[in-house]
Amino acid sequence: MTPPVLRLVLLLLALAVTTLFGLFTAGLAALLARHTGASTASVLLRAGAAFAATATLALAVLTLAATAL
C-alpha cells in the first residue's frame, strides 16, 4: 500500500508527462497538416483533436492505474 502523498505525487507526475506527450503529439499533427498544405484553421483543428485524443487515452490509463494502486 502506497502512502497517500506518494500516490498524489506519482499521479501529478504522470499528468505532467501526459500533458507534455499530448503537446508533442499535437505539434507533430500540426506539422504534418501544414506540410500537406492545410489551412491554418484546419491545422489548429487537427492539432486540437490530436491533443484531445492523446489526453483522453492517457487519462483513461491513469484512472486505471490510480484505482489499481
PDB file of N, CA and C in Angstrom:
ATOM      1  N   MET A   1       0.848  -1.186   0.000  1.00  0.00           N
ATOM      2  CA  MET A   1       0.000   0.000   0.000  1.00  0.00           C
ATOM      3  C   MET A   1       0.892   1.247   0.000  1.00  0.00           C
ATOM      4  N   THR A   2       0.665   2.120  -0.940  1.00  0.00           N
ATOM      5  CA  THR A   2       1.477   3.332  -1.030  1.00  0.00           C
ATOM      6  C   THR A   2       0.859   4.437  -0.179  1.00  0.00           C
ATOM      7  N   PRO A   3       1.695   5.287   0.408  1.00  0.00           N
ATOM      8  CA  PRO A   3       1.164   6.416   1.180  1.00  0.00           C
ATOM      9  C   PRO A   3       0.404   7.378   0.278  1.00  0.00           C
ATOM     10  N   PRO A   4      -0.589   8.078   0.831  1.00  0.00           N
ATOM     11  CA  PRO A   4      -1.401   8.992   0.002  1.00  0.00           C
ATOM     12  C   PRO A   4      -0.589  10.098  -0.664  1.00  0.00           C
ATOM     13  N   VAL A   5       0.437  10.602   0.026  1.00  0.00           N
ATOM     14  CA  VAL A   5       1.234  11.689  -0.557  1.00  0.00           C
ATOM     15  C   VAL A   5       2.033  11.172  -1.751  1.00  0.00           C
ATOM     16  N   LEU A   6       2.615  10.009  -1.618  1.00  0.00           N
ATOM     17  CA  LEU A   6       3.368   9.420  -2.729  1.00  0.00           C
ATOM     18  C   LEU A   6       2.454   9.132  -3.911  1.00  0.00           C
ATOM     19  N   ARG A   7       1.268   8.653  -3.627  1.00  0.00           N
ATOM     20  CA  ARG A   7       0.291   8.378  -4.691  1.00  0.00           C
ATOM     21  C   ARG A   7      -0.078   9.656  -5.433  1.00  0.00           C
ATOM     22  N   LEU A   8      -0.280  10.743  -4.680  1.00  0.00           N
ATOM     23  CA  LEU A   8      -0.618  12.022  -5.293  1.00  0.00           C
ATOM     24  C   LEU A   8       0.534  12.539  -6.147  1.00  0.00           C
ATOM     25  N   VAL A   9       1.746  12.421  -5.646  1.00  0.00           N
ATOM     26  CA  VAL A   9       2.916  12.884  -6.401  1.00  0.00           C
ATOM     27  C   VAL A   9       3.080  12.088  -7.687  1.00  0.00           C
ATOM     28  N   LEU A  10       2.904  10.778  -7.601  1.00  0.00           N
ATOM     29  CA  LEU A  10       3.022   9.949  -8.800  1.00  0.00           C
ATOM     30  C   LEU A  10       1.945  10.289  -9.830  1.00  0.00           C
ATOM     31  N   LEU A  11       0.741  10.532  -9.375  1.00  0.00           N
ATOM     32  CA  LEU A  11      -0.325  10.890 -10.312  1.00  0.00           C
ATOM     33  C   LEU A  11      -0.098  12.257 -10.941  1.00  0.00           C
ATOM     34  N   LEU A  12       0.409  13.212 -10.155  1.00  0.00           N
ATOM     35  CA  LEU A  12       0.711  14.529 -10.716  1.00  0.00           C
ATOM     36  C   LEU A  12       1.864  14.459 -11.717  1.00  0.00           C
ATOM     37  N   LEU A  13       2.855  13.642 -11.415  1.00  0.00           N
ATOM     38  CA  LEU A  13       3.959  13.459 -12.362  1.00  0.00           C
ATOM     39  C   LEU A  13       3.465  12.805 -13.648  1.00  0.00           C
ATOM     40  N   ALA A  14       2.623  11.810 -13.518  1.00  0.00           N
ATOM     41  CA  ALA A  14       2.067  11.158 -14.706  1.00  0.00           C
ATOM     42  C   ALA A  14       1.203  12.135 -15.506  1.00  0.00           C
ATOM     43  N   LEU A  15       0.478  13.002 -14.826  1.00  0.00           N
ATOM     44  CA  LEU A  15      -0.334  14.006 -15.518  1.00  0.00           C
ATOM     45  C   LEU A  15       0.546  14.998 -16.274  1.00  0.00           C
ATOM     46  N   ALA A  16       1.657  15.389 -15.671  1.00  0.00           N
ATOM     47  CA  ALA A  16       2.583  16.305 -16.343  1.00  0.00           C
ATOM     48  C   ALA A  16       3.200  15.650 -17.580  1.00  0.00           C
ATOM     49  N   VAL A  17       3.591  14.393 -17.464  1.00  0.00           N
ATOM     50  CA  VAL A  17       4.158  13.681 -18.612  1.00  0.00           C
ATOM     51  C   VAL A  17       3.106  13.520 -19.707  1.00  0.00           C
ATOM     52  N   THR A  18       1.864  13.249 -19.294  1.00  0.00           N
ATOM     53  CA  THR A  18       0.775  13.125 -20.257  1.00  0.00           C
ATOM     54  C   THR A  18       0.558  14.429 -21.014  1.00  0.00           C
ATOM     55  N   THR A  19       0.598  15.543 -20.297  1.00  0.00           N
ATOM     56  CA  THR A  19       0.415  16.851 -20.934  1.00  0.00           C
ATOM     57  C   THR A  19       1.540  17.127 -21.927  1.00  0.00           C
ATOM     58  N   LEU A  20       2.759  16.840 -21.531  1.00  0.00           N
ATOM     59  CA  LEU A  20       3.887  17.053 -22.449  1.00  0.00           C
ATOM     60  C   LEU A  20       3.787  16.155 -23.685  1.00  0.00           C
ATOM     61  N   PHE A  21       3.410  14.906 -23.472  1.00  0.00           N
ATOM     62  CA  PHE A  21       3.258  13.998 -24.604  1.00  0.00           C
ATOM     63  C   PHE A  21       2.112  14.461 -25.518  1.00  0.00           C
ATOM     64  N   GLY A  22       1.033  14.956 -24.930  1.00  0.00           N
ATOM     65  CA  GLY A  22      -0.081  15.477 -25.723  1.00  0.00           C
ATOM     66  C   GLY A  22       0.320  16.690 -26.544  1.00  0.00           C
ATOM     67  N   LEU A  23       1.095  17.579 -25.942  1.00  0.00           N
ATOM     68  CA  LEU A  23       1.567  18.749 -26.687  1.00  0.00           C
ATOM     69  C   LEU A  23       2.506  18.349 -27.816  1.00  0.00           C
ATOM     70  N   PHE A  24       3.351  17.369 -27.557  1.00  0.00           N
ATOM     71  CA  PHE A  24       4.250  16.866 -28.598  1.00  0.00           C
ATOM     72  C   PHE A  24       3.448  16.255 -29.748  1.00  0.00           C
ATOM     73  N   THR A  25       2.436  15.469 -29.409  1.00  0.00           N
ATOM     74  CA  THR A  25       1.588  14.853 -30.425  1.00  0.00           C
ATOM     75  C   THR A  25       0.833  15.910 -31.226  1.00  0.00           C
ATOM     76  N   ALA A  26       0.318  16.919 -30.534  1.00  0.00           N
ATOM     77  CA  ALA A  26      -0.399  17.999 -31.217  1.00  0.00           C
ATOM     78  C   ALA A  26       0.533  18.771 -32.144  1.00  0.00           C
ATOM     79  N   GLY A  27       1.749  18.993 -31.697  1.00  0.00           N
ATOM     80  CA  GLY A  27       2.717  19.694 -32.545  1.00  0.00           C
ATOM     81  C   GLY A  27       3.057  18.909 -33.798  1.00  0.00           C
ATOM     82  N   LEU A  28       3.237  17.605 -33.639  1.00  0.00           N
ATOM     83  CA  LEU A  28       3.514  16.775 -34.812  1.00  0.00           C
ATOM     84  C   LEU A  28       2.318  16.730 -35.763  1.00  0.00           C
ATOM     85  N   ALA A  29       1.116  16.660 -35.205  1.00  0.00           N
ATOM     86  CA  ALA A  29      -0.074  16.656 -36.058  1.00  0.00           C
ATOM     87  C   ALA A  29      -0.193  17.974 -36.818  1.00  0.00           C
ATOM     88  N   ALA A  30       0.105  19.075 -36.146  1.00  0.00           N
ATOM     89  CA  ALA A  30       0.064  20.377 -36.816  1.00  0.00           C
ATOM     90  C   ALA A  30       1.125  20.470 -37.904  1.00  0.00           C
ATOM     91  N   LEU A  31       2.306  19.954 -37.610  1.00  0.00           N
ATOM     92  CA  LEU A  31       3.379  19.982 -38.597  1.00  0.00           C
ATOM     93  C   LEU A  31       3.021  19.159 -39.833  1.00  0.00           C
ATOM     94  N   LEU A  32       2.477  17.977 -39.618  1.00  0.00           N
ATOM     95  CA  LEU A  32       2.084  17.136 -40.753  1.00  0.00           C
ATOM     96  C   LEU A  32       0.936  17.760 -41.541  1.00  0.00           C
ATOM     97  N   ALA A  33      -0.014  18.365 -40.832  1.00  0.00           N
ATOM     98  CA  ALA A  33      -1.134  19.007 -41.531  1.00  0.00           C
ATOM     99  C   ALA A  33      -0.647  20.201 -42.344  1.00  0.00           C
ATOM    100  N   ARG A  34       0.270  20.964 -41.774  1.00  0.00           N
ATOM    101  CA  ARG A  34       0.787  22.129 -42.501  1.00  0.00           C
ATOM    102  C   ARG A  34       1.619  21.691 -43.705  1.00  0.00           C
ATOM    103  N   HIS A  35       2.312  20.571 -43.551  1.00  0.00           N
ATOM    104  CA  HIS A  35       3.137  20.051 -44.644  1.00  0.00           C
ATOM    105  C   HIS A  35       2.271  19.616 -45.833  1.00  0.00           C
ATOM    106  N   THR A  36       1.056  19.166 -45.566  1.00  0.00           N
ATOM    107  CA  THR A  36       0.171  18.751 -46.650  1.00  0.00           C
ATOM    108  C   THR A  36      -0.568  19.924 -47.274  1.00  0.00           C
ATOM    109  N   GLY A  37      -0.355  21.128 -46.745  1.00  0.00           N
ATOM    110  CA  GLY A  37      -0.959  22.311 -47.346  1.00  0.00           C
ATOM    111  C   GLY A  37      -2.300  22.699 -46.757  1.00  0.00           C
ATOM    112  N   ALA A  38      -2.604  22.254 -45.554  1.00  0.00           N
ATOM    113  CA  ALA A  38      -3.873  22.591 -44.920  1.00  0.00           C
ATOM    114  C   ALA A  38      -3.873  24.053 -44.478  1.00  0.00           C
ATOM    115  N   SER A  39      -5.061  24.612 -44.361  1.00  0.00           N
ATOM    116  CA  SER A  39      -5.174  25.995 -43.903  1.00  0.00           C
ATOM    117  C   SER A  39      -4.860  26.071 -42.409  1.00  0.00           C
ATOM    118  N   THR A  40      -4.671  27.281 -41.923  1.00  0.00           N
ATOM    119  CA  THR A  40      -4.322  27.461 -40.515  1.00  0.00           C
ATOM    120  C   THR A  40      -5.432  26.961 -39.597  1.00  0.00           C
ATOM    121  N   ALA A  41      -6.674  27.227 -39.947  1.00  0.00           N
ATOM    122  CA  ALA A  41      -7.787  26.758 -39.129  1.00  0.00           C
ATOM    123  C   ALA A  41      -7.845  25.234 -39.087  1.00  0.00           C
ATOM    124  N   SER A  42      -7.604  24.616 -40.210  1.00  0.00           N
ATOM    125  CA  SER A  42      -7.594  23.155 -40.265  1.00  0.00           C
ATOM    126  C   SER A  42      -6.438  22.577 -39.460  1.00  0.00           C
ATOM    127  N   VAL A  43      -5.296  23.249 -39.518  1.00  0.00           N
ATOM    128  CA  VAL A  43      -4.135  22.800 -38.744  1.00  0.00           C
ATOM    129  C   VAL A  43      -4.447  22.846 -37.253  1.00  0.00           C
ATOM    130  N   LEU A  44      -5.067  23.937 -36.804  1.00  0.00           N
ATOM    131  CA  LEU A  44      -5.414  24.062 -35.390  1.00  0.00           C
ATOM    132  C   LEU A  44      -6.442  23.024 -34.970  1.00  0.00           C
ATOM    133  N   LEU A  45      -7.394  22.748 -35.841  1.00  0.00           N
ATOM    134  CA  LEU A  45      -8.382  21.716 -35.537  1.00  0.00           C
ATOM    135  C   LEU A  45      -7.741  20.343 -35.409  1.00  0.00           C
ATOM    136  N   ARG A  46      -6.851  20.024 -36.311  1.00  0.00           N
ATOM    137  CA  ARG A  46      -6.183  18.715 -36.254  1.00  0.00           C
ATOM    138  C   ARG A  46      -5.281  18.595 -35.033  1.00  0.00           C
ATOM    139  N   ALA A  47      -4.589  19.673 -34.695  1.00  0.00           N
ATOM    140  CA  ALA A  47      -3.729  19.651 -33.507  1.00  0.00           C
ATOM    141  C   ALA A  47      -4.570  19.503 -32.242  1.00  0.00           C
ATOM    142  N   GLY A  48      -5.678  20.208 -32.185  1.00  0.00           N
ATOM    143  CA  GLY A  48      -6.567  20.093 -31.029  1.00  0.00           C
ATOM    144  C   GLY A  48      -7.166  18.704 -30.898  1.00  0.00           C
ATOM    145  N   ALA A  49      -7.537  18.130 -32.016  1.00  0.00           N
ATOM    146  CA  ALA A  49      -8.098  16.775 -31.990  1.00  0.00           C
ATOM    147  C   ALA A  49      -7.046  15.758 -31.551  1.00  0.00           C
ATOM    148  N   ALA A  50      -5.814  15.935 -32.008  1.00  0.00           N
ATOM    149  CA  ALA A  50      -4.735  15.026 -31.609  1.00  0.00           C
ATOM    150  C   ALA A  50      -4.444  15.150 -30.118  1.00  0.00           C
ATOM    151  N   PHE A  51      -4.434  16.386 -29.608  1.00  0.00           N
ATOM    152  CA  PHE A  51      -4.199  16.588 -28.178  1.00  0.00           C
ATOM    153  C   PHE A  51      -5.333  15.984 -27.356  1.00  0.00           C
ATOM    154  N   ALA A  52      -6.562  16.202 -27.783  1.00  0.00           N
ATOM    155  CA  ALA A  52      -7.710  15.665 -27.044  1.00  0.00           C
ATOM    156  C   ALA A  52      -7.716  14.144 -27.045  1.00  0.00           C
ATOM    157  N   ALA A  53      -7.398  13.546 -28.171  1.00  0.00           N
ATOM    158  CA  ALA A  53      -7.361  12.080 -28.240  1.00  0.00           C
ATOM    159  C   ALA A  53      -6.250  11.515 -27.361  1.00  0.00           C
ATOM    160  N   THR A  54      -5.089  12.155 -27.383  1.00  0.00           N
ATOM    161  CA  THR A  54      -3.978  11.699 -26.546  1.00  0.00           C
ATOM    162  C   THR A  54      -4.315  11.850 -25.067  1.00  0.00           C
ATOM    163  N   ALA A  55      -4.894  12.982 -24.708  1.00  0.00           N
ATOM    164  CA  ALA A  55      -5.245  13.220 -23.306  1.00  0.00           C
ATOM    165  C   ALA A  55      -6.319  12.247 -22.831  1.00  0.00           C
ATOM    166  N   THR A  56      -7.298  11.970 -23.669  1.00  0.00           N
ATOM    167  CA  THR A  56      -8.365  11.048 -23.290  1.00  0.00           C
ATOM    168  C   THR A  56      -7.813   9.644 -23.047  1.00  0.00           C
ATOM    169  N   LEU A  57      -6.990   9.182 -23.954  1.00  0.00           N
ATOM    170  CA  LEU A  57      -6.412   7.855 -23.805  1.00  0.00           C
ATOM    171  C   LEU A  57      -5.499   7.777 -22.582  1.00  0.00           C
ATOM    172  N   ALA A  58      -4.669   8.781 -22.395  1.00  0.00           N
ATOM    173  CA  ALA A  58      -3.738   8.774 -21.270  1.00  0.00           C
ATOM    174  C   ALA A  58      -4.476   8.883 -19.937  1.00  0.00           C
ATOM    175  N   LEU A  59      -5.510   9.702 -19.875  1.00  0.00           N
ATOM    176  CA  LEU A  59      -6.262   9.820 -18.631  1.00  0.00           C
ATOM    177  C   LEU A  59      -7.043   8.554 -18.316  1.00  0.00           C
ATOM    178  N   ALA A  60      -7.459   7.837 -19.322  1.00  0.00           N
ATOM    179  CA  ALA A  60      -8.101   6.552 -19.075  1.00  0.00           C
ATOM    180  C   ALA A  60      -7.111   5.562 -18.465  1.00  0.00           C
ATOM    181  N   VAL A  61      -5.884   5.571 -18.971  1.00  0.00           N
ATOM    182  CA  VAL A  61      -4.851   4.691 -18.422  1.00  0.00           C
ATOM    183  C   VAL A  61      -4.482   5.134 -16.997  1.00  0.00           C
ATOM    184  N   LEU A  62      -4.388   6.453 -16.766  1.00  0.00           N
ATOM    185  CA  LEU A  62      -4.097   6.945 -15.439  1.00  0.00           C
ATOM    186  C   LEU A  62      -5.198   6.593 -14.432  1.00  0.00           C
ATOM    187  N   THR A  63      -6.432   6.655 -14.866  1.00  0.00           N
ATOM    188  CA  THR A  63      -7.536   6.288 -13.989  1.00  0.00           C
ATOM    189  C   THR A  63      -7.454   4.817 -13.628  1.00  0.00           C
ATOM    190  N   LEU A  64      -7.146   3.998 -14.591  1.00  0.00           N
ATOM    191  CA  LEU A  64      -6.965   2.576 -14.325  1.00  0.00           C
ATOM    192  C   LEU A  64      -5.818   2.342 -13.355  1.00  0.00           C
ATOM    193  N   ALA A  65      -4.725   3.053 -13.545  1.00  0.00           N
ATOM    194  CA  ALA A  65      -3.574   2.892 -12.647  1.00  0.00           C
ATOM    195  C   ALA A  65      -3.887   3.414 -11.250  1.00  0.00           C
ATOM    196  N   ALA A  66      -4.634   4.516 -11.169  1.00  0.00           N
ATOM    197  CA  ALA A  66      -4.969   5.078  -9.860  1.00  0.00           C
ATOM    198  C   ALA A  66      -5.876   4.155  -9.056  1.00  0.00           C
ATOM    199  N   THR A  67      -6.759   3.476  -9.720  1.00  0.00           N
ATOM    200  CA  THR A  67      -7.635   2.555  -8.996  1.00  0.00           C
ATOM    201  C   THR A  67      -6.893   1.269  -8.624  1.00  0.00           C
ATOM    202  N   ALA A  68      -5.842   0.952  -9.343  1.00  0.00           N
ATOM    203  CA  ALA A  68      -5.081  -0.253  -9.042  1.00  0.00           C
ATOM    204  C   ALA A  68      -4.107  -0.035  -7.889  1.00  0.00           C
ATOM    205  N   LEU A  69      -3.706   1.222  -7.668  1.00  0.00           N
ATOM    206  CA  LEU A  69      -2.737   1.489  -6.588  1.00  0.00           C
ATOM    207  C   LEU A  69      -3.364   1.354  -5.233  1.00  0.00           C
TER     208      LEU A  69
END
